[in-house]
Protein backbone atom coordinates (compact mmCIF):
# COMPACT_ATOMS: atom_id res chain seq x y z
CA UNK A 1 -61.96 38.85 60.07
CA UNK A 2 -58.61 37.12 59.66
CA UNK A 3 -57.35 39.96 57.48
CA UNK A 4 -58.17 42.56 60.13
CA UNK A 5 -56.33 40.50 62.77
CA UNK A 6 -53.26 40.38 60.54
CA UNK A 7 -53.35 44.14 60.01
CA UNK A 8 -53.66 44.86 63.75
CA UNK A 9 -51.06 42.38 64.90
CA UNK A 10 -48.51 43.71 62.44
CA UNK A 11 -48.58 47.15 64.08
CA UNK A 12 -47.42 46.03 67.52
CA UNK A 13 -45.62 43.19 69.25
CA UNK A 14 -47.70 43.51 72.44
CA UNK A 15 -50.99 41.68 73.07
CA UNK A 16 -53.98 43.91 72.46
CA UNK A 17 -55.11 43.94 76.09
CA UNK A 18 -51.72 45.43 77.13
CA UNK A 19 -51.77 48.37 74.76
CA UNK A 20 -51.90 51.83 76.31
CA UNK A 21 -53.74 53.32 73.33
CA UNK A 22 -56.63 51.59 71.59
CA UNK A 23 -56.20 50.66 67.93
CA UNK A 24 -59.07 51.34 65.56
CA UNK A 25 -60.21 48.11 63.90
CA UNK A 26 -61.89 48.35 60.47
CA UNK A 27 -65.66 47.99 60.51
CA UNK A 28 -67.34 44.77 59.40
CA UNK A 29 -68.40 46.43 56.13
CA UNK A 30 -64.88 47.45 55.25
CA UNK A 31 -63.69 43.94 56.04
CA UNK A 32 -66.33 42.51 53.74
CA UNK A 33 -65.26 44.92 51.06
CA UNK A 34 -61.70 43.52 51.18
CA UNK A 35 -62.72 39.92 51.73
CA UNK A 36 -65.43 39.73 49.05
CA UNK A 37 -64.61 41.79 45.98
CA UNK A 38 -67.14 42.31 43.24
CA UNK A 39 -67.31 39.68 40.45
CA UNK A 40 -66.05 42.13 37.86
CA UNK A 41 -62.74 42.50 39.68
CA UNK A 42 -62.51 38.99 41.16
CA UNK A 43 -59.61 37.89 38.96
CA UNK A 44 -57.50 40.98 39.71
CA UNK A 45 -58.42 40.82 43.42
CA UNK A 46 -57.43 37.17 43.58
CA UNK A 47 -54.10 38.02 41.99
CA UNK A 48 -53.55 40.90 44.45
CA UNK A 49 -54.51 38.67 47.37
CA UNK A 50 -52.11 35.96 46.23
CA UNK A 51 -49.33 38.50 45.82
CA UNK A 52 -50.03 39.94 49.28
CA UNK A 53 -49.91 36.49 50.86
CA UNK A 54 -46.64 35.72 49.07
CA UNK A 55 -45.23 39.06 50.29
CA UNK A 56 -46.24 38.35 53.89
CA UNK A 57 -44.83 34.83 53.65
CA UNK A 58 -41.54 36.06 52.22
CA UNK A 59 -41.27 38.70 54.96
CA UNK A 60 -41.93 36.10 57.63
CA UNK A 61 -39.23 33.82 56.21
CA UNK A 62 -36.93 36.81 55.91
CA UNK A 63 -37.38 37.67 59.58
CA UNK A 64 -36.91 34.00 60.48
CA UNK A 65 -33.66 33.78 58.50
CA UNK A 66 -32.44 37.02 60.05
CA UNK A 67 -33.22 35.68 63.55
CA UNK A 68 -31.25 32.50 62.86
CA UNK A 69 -28.34 34.58 61.58
CA UNK A 70 -28.33 36.79 64.68
CA UNK A 71 -28.47 33.73 66.94
CA UNK A 72 -25.50 32.16 65.18
CA UNK A 73 -23.56 35.42 65.35
CA UNK A 74 -24.26 35.78 69.08
CA UNK A 75 -23.00 32.25 69.67
CA UNK A 76 -19.80 33.05 67.84
CA UNK A 77 -19.32 36.20 69.92
CA UNK A 78 -20.17 34.64 73.29
CA UNK A 79 -18.19 31.44 72.93
CA UNK A 80 -14.73 32.99 73.54
CA UNK A 81 -16.06 34.90 76.57
CA UNK A 82 -17.64 31.79 78.04
CA UNK A 83 -14.43 29.85 77.47
CA UNK A 84 -12.41 32.60 79.15
CA UNK A 85 -14.80 32.64 82.11
CA UNK A 86 -14.40 28.86 82.41
CA UNK A 87 -10.62 29.22 82.53
CA UNK A 88 -10.92 31.87 85.24
CA UNK A 89 -13.24 29.64 87.26
CA UNK A 90 -10.87 26.68 86.83
CA UNK A 91 -7.83 28.69 87.87
CA UNK A 92 -9.62 29.94 90.94
CA UNK A 93 -10.36 26.42 92.15
CA UNK A 94 -7.08 24.58 91.51
CA UNK A 95 -4.74 26.95 93.34
CA UNK A 96 -0.95 27.19 93.34
CA UNK A 97 1.39 24.24 93.97
CA UNK A 98 1.90 23.29 97.59
CA UNK A 99 4.94 24.44 99.51
CA UNK A 100 6.19 23.95 103.05
CA UNK A 101 4.72 26.57 105.36
CA UNK A 102 6.85 28.56 107.78
CA UNK A 103 5.01 29.63 110.96
CA UNK A 104 5.95 32.77 112.86
CA UNK A 105 5.17 33.90 116.39
CA UNK A 106 1.84 35.54 115.43
CA UNK A 107 0.54 32.19 114.17
CA UNK A 108 0.72 33.14 110.49
CA UNK A 109 2.00 30.51 108.10
CA UNK A 110 3.59 31.48 104.78
CA UNK A 111 5.66 30.07 101.93
CA UNK A 112 6.75 31.49 98.59
CA UNK A 113 5.72 29.59 95.48
CA UNK A 114 7.63 32.18 93.47
CA UNK A 115 9.78 35.03 94.77
CA UNK A 116 9.13 38.26 92.92
CA UNK A 117 11.72 40.45 91.25
CA UNK A 118 10.06 43.86 91.74
CA UNK A 119 9.80 46.32 94.60
CA UNK A 120 8.41 45.78 98.09
CA UNK A 121 4.92 47.04 98.94
CA UNK A 122 5.20 50.56 100.44
CA UNK A 123 3.53 51.00 103.84
CA UNK A 124 0.14 52.67 103.51
CA UNK A 125 0.16 52.65 99.70
CA UNK A 126 -2.39 51.12 97.35
CA UNK A 127 -1.31 47.88 95.71
CA UNK A 128 -2.92 45.39 93.30
CA UNK A 129 -3.09 41.69 94.08
CA UNK A 130 -4.77 38.64 92.65
CA UNK A 131 -5.91 36.10 95.20
CA UNK A 132 -7.88 32.94 95.80
CA UNK A 133 -9.29 32.49 99.31
CA UNK A 134 -10.23 29.10 100.80
CA UNK A 135 -11.41 27.65 104.04
CA UNK A 136 -9.22 25.19 105.91
CA UNK A 137 -10.84 22.27 104.07
CA UNK A 138 -9.88 23.73 100.68
CA UNK A 139 -13.28 25.11 99.62
CA UNK A 140 -13.03 28.39 97.67
CA UNK A 141 -15.13 31.22 99.09
CA UNK A 142 -13.71 34.18 97.18
CA UNK A 143 -11.37 34.91 94.28
CA UNK A 144 -10.31 37.95 92.28
CA UNK A 145 -9.76 35.66 89.28
CA UNK A 146 -13.49 35.01 89.09
CA UNK A 147 -14.00 38.76 88.66
CA UNK A 148 -11.20 38.87 86.05
CA UNK A 149 -9.49 41.85 87.70
CA UNK A 150 -7.06 42.31 90.61
CA UNK A 151 -8.04 43.68 93.98
CA UNK A 152 -6.77 47.13 94.95
CA UNK A 153 -6.08 47.51 98.69
CA UNK A 154 -4.18 49.79 101.03
CA UNK A 155 -1.54 47.76 102.82
CA UNK A 156 -0.31 48.02 106.40
CA UNK A 157 -2.99 50.29 107.88
CA UNK A 158 -5.52 47.73 109.10
CA UNK A 159 -7.77 48.10 106.04
CA UNK A 160 -7.68 44.33 105.55
CA UNK A 161 -7.41 41.43 107.98
CA UNK A 162 -4.15 41.30 109.96
CA UNK A 163 -3.00 38.11 108.27
CA UNK A 164 -3.01 39.79 104.85
CA UNK A 165 -1.22 42.90 106.13
CA UNK A 166 1.54 40.83 107.68
CA UNK A 167 1.62 38.23 104.93
CA UNK A 168 2.12 40.79 102.14
CA UNK A 169 3.88 43.73 103.82
CA UNK A 170 6.02 41.49 106.03
CA UNK A 171 7.20 41.95 109.59
CA UNK A 172 7.72 39.85 112.76
CA UNK A 173 9.66 37.18 110.92
CA UNK A 174 7.82 37.39 107.59
CA UNK A 175 9.76 38.85 104.64
CA UNK A 176 7.87 41.35 102.47
CA UNK A 177 6.54 40.19 99.13
CA UNK A 178 8.06 41.55 95.94
CA UNK A 179 6.13 42.53 92.82
CA UNK A 180 5.59 39.45 90.68
CA UNK A 181 5.82 37.10 93.65
CA UNK A 182 3.37 34.34 94.57
CA UNK A 183 2.82 33.40 98.21
CA UNK A 184 0.58 31.03 100.13
CA UNK A 185 -0.77 32.18 103.49
CA UNK A 186 -2.23 30.13 106.33
CA UNK A 187 -4.17 32.64 108.44
CA UNK A 188 -5.49 31.52 111.84
CA UNK A 189 -8.79 32.93 113.18
CA UNK A 190 -7.07 35.46 115.45
CA UNK A 191 -5.44 37.06 112.38
CA UNK A 192 -8.64 36.80 110.31
CA UNK A 193 -12.19 37.45 111.59
CA UNK A 194 -11.88 35.83 115.01
CA UNK A 195 -14.93 34.50 116.89
CA UNK A 196 -17.42 36.47 114.79
CA UNK A 197 -18.79 35.33 111.42
CA UNK A 198 -18.15 37.63 108.45
CA UNK A 199 -19.69 38.46 105.10
CA UNK A 200 -23.20 38.24 106.54
CA UNK A 201 -26.39 39.24 104.74
CA UNK A 202 -29.90 38.59 106.07
CA UNK A 203 -28.55 36.13 108.61
CA UNK A 204 -26.54 34.16 106.06
CA UNK A 205 -22.75 34.43 106.54
CA UNK A 206 -20.09 33.50 104.00
CA UNK A 207 -17.36 33.01 106.61
CA UNK A 208 -18.18 31.15 109.83
CA UNK A 209 -16.81 32.07 113.25
CA UNK A 210 -13.28 30.97 114.15
CA UNK A 211 -12.46 30.15 110.53
CA UNK A 212 -8.90 29.42 109.41
CA UNK A 213 -8.33 30.94 105.97
CA UNK A 214 -5.92 29.92 103.20
CA UNK A 215 -4.84 32.48 100.61
CA UNK A 216 -2.93 32.24 97.33
CA UNK A 217 -1.53 35.72 96.68
CA UNK A 218 -0.03 37.15 93.49
CA UNK A 219 1.51 40.59 94.05
CA UNK A 220 0.61 42.28 90.74
CA UNK A 221 2.13 45.71 91.40
CA UNK A 222 1.83 49.15 92.93
CA UNK A 223 -1.45 50.89 92.09
CA UNK A 224 -0.99 53.80 89.69
């Protein structure tokens, strides 16, 4: 009976009770015929049986060795990606160096960690930025670095919160950012999401009501 089980199990990787089509199992007589050969051919049958077992054993060890090789190869491939993801996560949580904030009449605070050398953001155009967003206590709640790609947004038309429009495009005492520049923004609730929570799903909100938001902005460039 063991030989029939081996023959059936080698045809599929699923348990027998999950198969959609039944598999015909050899009758008891045919099993006896393979399991108990006649005395005249016992020596040759024993030799064939031993060879079959050695073949099955070698195949099993071959598959085992191949599995180990694939596992090792996958570790070699994934390690650089995991390391890169760790660096992205780390960058998104440490932030840019501190600088002294300047506050304008709207309540927005800003300071330039690095002044860019490129062009200003055109009103109403799509631009690319990298950012890390924090609550007032410093906890990160969103970051483009974690996604490993910049955010594309349309600037100056109210498509984002007012603090980002003013903080990047400039106006009312805030100079516009230049491509390549890095700026920190202190956005009060009235220039962010106000008295309503935001980012809500099934009653769970990522941003509480009346939240002050802190942004580290890198102006990557004009979207092309």
